Amino acid sequence: MDSHIIPRIQDLIIDAFLAVRTQINPQKKSNLFELWGFDFLIDEDFRTWLIEVNTNPYLGIPNDFIKKLLPEMLDDMLSIVLDE
């Protein structure tokens, strides 16, 4: 199952960025970054669908999985943005 779902999620994220690439201007302000949230649905046939992309994703902790994932994700994001 993961061998199909994860690559599909990655493809959908790439497609979303390609769809708005002309609207994103990395030269505008080089000292800014943005965290995007991608919401997916996996249907009964294990097809993966992109529902929406948020430029201000919810960072609450609704369950134990997110409680573990969120700090790791934020640490990774800040490492990418701040570390040389």
N, C-alpha and C. Protein backbone atom coordinates (compact mmCIF):
# COMPACT_ATOMS: atom_id res chain seq x y z
N MET A 1 0.82 -1.19 0.00
CA MET A 1 0.00 0.00 0.00
C MET A 1 0.87 1.26 0.00
N ASP A 2 1.85 1.36 0.91
CA ASP A 2 2.73 2.53 0.96
C ASP A 2 3.49 2.72 -0.33
N SER A 3 3.79 1.62 -1.00
CA SER A 3 4.57 1.73 -2.24
C SER A 3 3.80 2.46 -3.33
N HIS A 4 2.50 2.57 -3.19
CA HIS A 4 1.68 3.29 -4.16
C HIS A 4 1.26 4.67 -3.62
N ILE A 5 0.91 4.75 -2.37
CA ILE A 5 0.33 5.98 -1.81
C ILE A 5 1.36 7.09 -1.66
N ILE A 6 2.50 6.80 -1.07
CA ILE A 6 3.51 7.84 -0.83
C ILE A 6 4.02 8.45 -2.14
N PRO A 7 4.38 7.65 -3.15
CA PRO A 7 4.79 8.27 -4.42
C PRO A 7 3.68 9.12 -5.04
N ARG A 8 2.42 8.71 -4.90
CA ARG A 8 1.31 9.49 -5.43
C ARG A 8 1.18 10.82 -4.69
N ILE A 9 1.34 10.80 -3.38
CA ILE A 9 1.30 12.04 -2.60
C ILE A 9 2.43 12.97 -3.05
N GLN A 10 3.62 12.43 -3.24
CA GLN A 10 4.75 13.23 -3.71
C GLN A 10 4.47 13.84 -5.08
N ASP A 11 3.89 13.05 -5.98
CA ASP A 11 3.55 13.57 -7.31
C ASP A 11 2.51 14.68 -7.23
N LEU A 12 1.52 14.52 -6.36
CA LEU A 12 0.49 15.55 -6.22
C LEU A 12 1.07 16.85 -5.66
N ILE A 13 2.00 16.74 -4.72
CA ILE A 13 2.65 17.94 -4.17
C ILE A 13 3.45 18.64 -5.26
N ILE A 14 4.19 17.89 -6.03
CA ILE A 14 4.97 18.49 -7.13
C ILE A 14 4.02 19.16 -8.12
N ASP A 15 2.93 18.49 -8.49
CA ASP A 15 1.96 19.08 -9.42
C ASP A 15 1.37 20.38 -8.87
N ALA A 16 1.11 20.42 -7.56
CA ALA A 16 0.56 21.64 -6.95
C ALA A 16 1.55 22.79 -7.06
N PHE A 17 2.82 22.52 -6.78
CA PHE A 17 3.83 23.57 -6.90
C PHE A 17 4.00 24.01 -8.35
N LEU A 18 3.98 23.06 -9.28
CA LEU A 18 4.10 23.41 -10.69
C LEU A 18 2.91 24.27 -11.16
N ALA A 19 1.73 24.01 -10.61
CA ALA A 19 0.54 24.77 -10.99
C ALA A 19 0.63 26.24 -10.59
N VAL A 20 1.37 26.55 -9.54
CA VAL A 20 1.45 27.94 -9.07
C VAL A 20 2.85 28.53 -9.18
N ARG A 21 3.72 27.86 -9.91
CA ARG A 21 5.12 28.30 -9.96
C ARG A 21 5.29 29.72 -10.47
N THR A 22 4.41 30.18 -11.34
CA THR A 22 4.55 31.55 -11.84
C THR A 22 4.07 32.58 -10.82
N GLN A 23 3.31 32.13 -9.83
CA GLN A 23 2.80 33.03 -8.79
C GLN A 23 3.74 33.12 -7.60
N ILE A 24 4.67 32.18 -7.49
CA ILE A 24 5.62 32.17 -6.38
C ILE A 24 6.87 32.90 -6.83
N ASN A 25 7.27 33.90 -6.06
CA ASN A 25 8.44 34.69 -6.43
C ASN A 25 9.47 34.60 -5.31
N PRO A 26 10.42 33.68 -5.41
CA PRO A 26 11.41 33.54 -4.34
C PRO A 26 12.34 34.75 -4.22
N GLN A 27 12.40 35.59 -5.24
CA GLN A 27 13.27 36.77 -5.19
C GLN A 27 12.61 37.94 -4.46
N LYS A 28 11.32 37.83 -4.19
CA LYS A 28 10.59 38.94 -3.57
C LYS A 28 11.24 39.36 -2.25
N LYS A 29 11.39 38.44 -1.33
CA LYS A 29 12.06 38.70 -0.05
C LYS A 29 12.77 37.41 0.34
N SER A 30 14.07 37.43 0.30
CA SER A 30 14.82 36.20 0.52
C SER A 30 14.88 35.78 1.98
N ASN A 31 14.41 36.62 2.90
CA ASN A 31 14.48 36.26 4.31
C ASN A 31 13.14 35.76 4.85
N LEU A 32 12.25 35.34 3.96
CA LEU A 32 10.95 34.82 4.36
C LEU A 32 10.79 33.38 3.91
N PHE A 33 9.96 32.63 4.62
CA PHE A 33 9.60 31.29 4.20
C PHE A 33 8.16 31.06 4.59
N GLU A 34 7.57 30.02 4.02
CA GLU A 34 6.18 29.73 4.28
C GLU A 34 6.00 28.22 4.45
N LEU A 35 5.23 27.84 5.42
CA LEU A 35 4.88 26.43 5.65
C LEU A 35 3.53 26.18 4.99
N TRP A 36 3.48 25.20 4.11
CA TRP A 36 2.23 24.85 3.44
C TRP A 36 1.71 23.54 3.99
N GLY A 37 0.42 23.42 4.11
CA GLY A 37 -0.21 22.19 4.55
C GLY A 37 -0.99 21.56 3.41
N PHE A 38 -0.76 20.30 3.15
CA PHE A 38 -1.44 19.57 2.08
C PHE A 38 -2.40 18.56 2.71
N ASP A 39 -3.66 18.59 2.29
CA ASP A 39 -4.67 17.66 2.79
C ASP A 39 -4.99 16.65 1.69
N PHE A 40 -4.92 15.37 2.04
CA PHE A 40 -5.16 14.30 1.08
C PHE A 40 -6.30 13.41 1.56
N LEU A 41 -6.92 12.74 0.61
CA LEU A 41 -7.94 11.75 0.88
C LEU A 41 -7.51 10.46 0.18
N ILE A 42 -7.63 9.35 0.87
CA ILE A 42 -7.38 8.04 0.26
C ILE A 42 -8.72 7.31 0.25
N ASP A 43 -9.20 7.00 -0.94
CA ASP A 43 -10.54 6.41 -1.06
C ASP A 43 -10.49 4.90 -0.85
N GLU A 44 -11.66 4.27 -0.98
CA GLU A 44 -11.78 2.83 -0.71
C GLU A 44 -10.99 1.97 -1.69
N ASP A 45 -10.62 2.54 -2.83
CA ASP A 45 -9.79 1.82 -3.80
C ASP A 45 -8.32 2.18 -3.67
N PHE A 46 -7.98 2.86 -2.58
CA PHE A 46 -6.61 3.30 -2.28
C PHE A 46 -6.06 4.29 -3.31
N ARG A 47 -6.97 5.04 -3.96
CA ARG A 47 -6.54 6.14 -4.81
C ARG A 47 -6.34 7.35 -3.91
N THR A 48 -5.33 8.13 -4.21
CA THR A 48 -4.99 9.29 -3.39
C THR A 48 -5.41 10.56 -4.11
N TRP A 49 -6.10 11.44 -3.39
CA TRP A 49 -6.62 12.69 -3.95
C TRP A 49 -6.12 13.86 -3.12
N LEU A 50 -5.71 14.92 -3.79
CA LEU A 50 -5.36 16.16 -3.10
C LEU A 50 -6.65 16.94 -2.88
N ILE A 51 -6.96 17.25 -1.63
CA ILE A 51 -8.19 17.98 -1.31
C ILE A 51 -7.94 19.49 -1.35
N GLU A 52 -6.89 19.93 -0.65
CA GLU A 52 -6.60 21.36 -0.61
C GLU A 52 -5.17 21.59 -0.14
N VAL A 53 -4.68 22.80 -0.39
CA VAL A 53 -3.37 23.23 0.08
C VAL A 53 -3.60 24.50 0.90
N ASN A 54 -3.06 24.52 2.10
CA ASN A 54 -3.22 25.66 3.00
C ASN A 54 -1.90 26.39 3.17
N THR A 55 -1.93 27.70 3.08
CA THR A 55 -0.73 28.48 3.35
C THR A 55 -0.62 28.83 4.82
N ASN A 56 -1.63 28.48 5.60
CA ASN A 56 -1.61 28.69 7.04
C ASN A 56 -2.21 27.45 7.70
N PRO A 57 -1.47 26.31 7.67
CA PRO A 57 -2.05 25.06 8.15
C PRO A 57 -2.26 25.05 9.67
N TYR A 58 -3.24 24.29 10.09
CA TYR A 58 -3.53 24.10 11.50
C TYR A 58 -2.40 23.31 12.15
N LEU A 59 -1.86 23.83 13.24
CA LEU A 59 -0.75 23.17 13.92
C LEU A 59 -1.15 22.67 15.31
N GLY A 60 -2.43 22.36 15.48
CA GLY A 60 -2.90 21.81 16.73
C GLY A 60 -2.51 20.34 16.85
N ILE A 61 -2.85 19.74 17.98
CA ILE A 61 -2.47 18.35 18.25
C ILE A 61 -3.75 17.54 18.51
N PRO A 62 -4.40 17.06 17.44
CA PRO A 62 -5.66 16.33 17.62
C PRO A 62 -5.50 14.87 18.02
N ASN A 63 -4.27 14.30 17.88
CA ASN A 63 -4.08 12.89 18.22
C ASN A 63 -2.61 12.61 18.53
N ASP A 64 -2.33 11.40 19.00
CA ASP A 64 -0.97 11.05 19.42
C ASP A 64 0.02 11.03 18.26
N PHE A 65 -0.45 10.64 17.06
CA PHE A 65 0.44 10.63 15.90
C PHE A 65 0.94 12.04 15.59
N ILE A 66 0.03 13.00 15.57
CA ILE A 66 0.40 14.39 15.29
C ILE A 66 1.24 14.95 16.44
N LYS A 67 0.96 14.53 17.65
CA LYS A 67 1.73 14.99 18.81
C LYS A 67 3.21 14.62 18.66
N LYS A 68 3.49 13.48 18.06
CA LYS A 68 4.87 13.07 17.81
C LYS A 68 5.42 13.70 16.53
N LEU A 69 4.60 13.77 15.49
CA LEU A 69 5.04 14.24 14.18
C LEU A 69 5.32 15.75 14.15
N LEU A 70 4.48 16.55 14.78
CA LEU A 70 4.57 18.01 14.66
C LEU A 70 5.90 18.58 15.13
N PRO A 71 6.41 18.23 16.31
CA PRO A 71 7.71 18.78 16.71
C PRO A 71 8.85 18.37 15.78
N GLU A 72 8.82 17.13 15.29
CA GLU A 72 9.85 16.67 14.36
C GLU A 72 9.78 17.44 13.05
N MET A 73 8.55 17.65 12.56
CA MET A 73 8.37 18.38 11.31
C MET A 73 8.83 19.83 11.45
N LEU A 74 8.50 20.47 12.55
CA LEU A 74 8.92 21.86 12.77
C LEU A 74 10.44 21.96 12.92
N ASP A 75 11.05 21.00 13.60
CA ASP A 75 12.51 20.98 13.71
C ASP A 75 13.16 20.83 12.34
N ASP A 76 12.62 19.92 11.52
CA ASP A 76 13.15 19.75 10.16
C ASP A 76 13.00 21.03 9.34
N MET A 77 11.83 21.65 9.43
CA MET A 77 11.58 22.88 8.68
C MET A 77 12.56 23.98 9.09
N LEU A 78 12.76 24.16 10.39
CA LEU A 78 13.66 25.20 10.85
C LEU A 78 15.11 24.87 10.51
N SER A 79 15.48 23.61 10.50
CA SER A 79 16.82 23.23 10.07
C SER A 79 17.05 23.59 8.61
N ILE A 80 16.06 23.34 7.77
CA ILE A 80 16.16 23.67 6.36
C ILE A 80 16.28 25.18 6.17
N VAL A 81 15.50 25.93 6.93
CA VAL A 81 15.45 27.39 6.74
C VAL A 81 16.63 28.10 7.39
N LEU A 82 17.06 27.64 8.57
CA LEU A 82 18.04 28.40 9.34
C LEU A 82 19.47 27.88 9.28
N ASP A 83 19.65 26.59 9.14
CA ASP A 83 21.01 26.03 9.14
C ASP A 83 21.72 26.32 7.82
N GLU A 84 22.99 26.60 7.92
CA GLU A 84 23.76 26.85 6.69
C GLU A 84 24.19 25.55 6.06
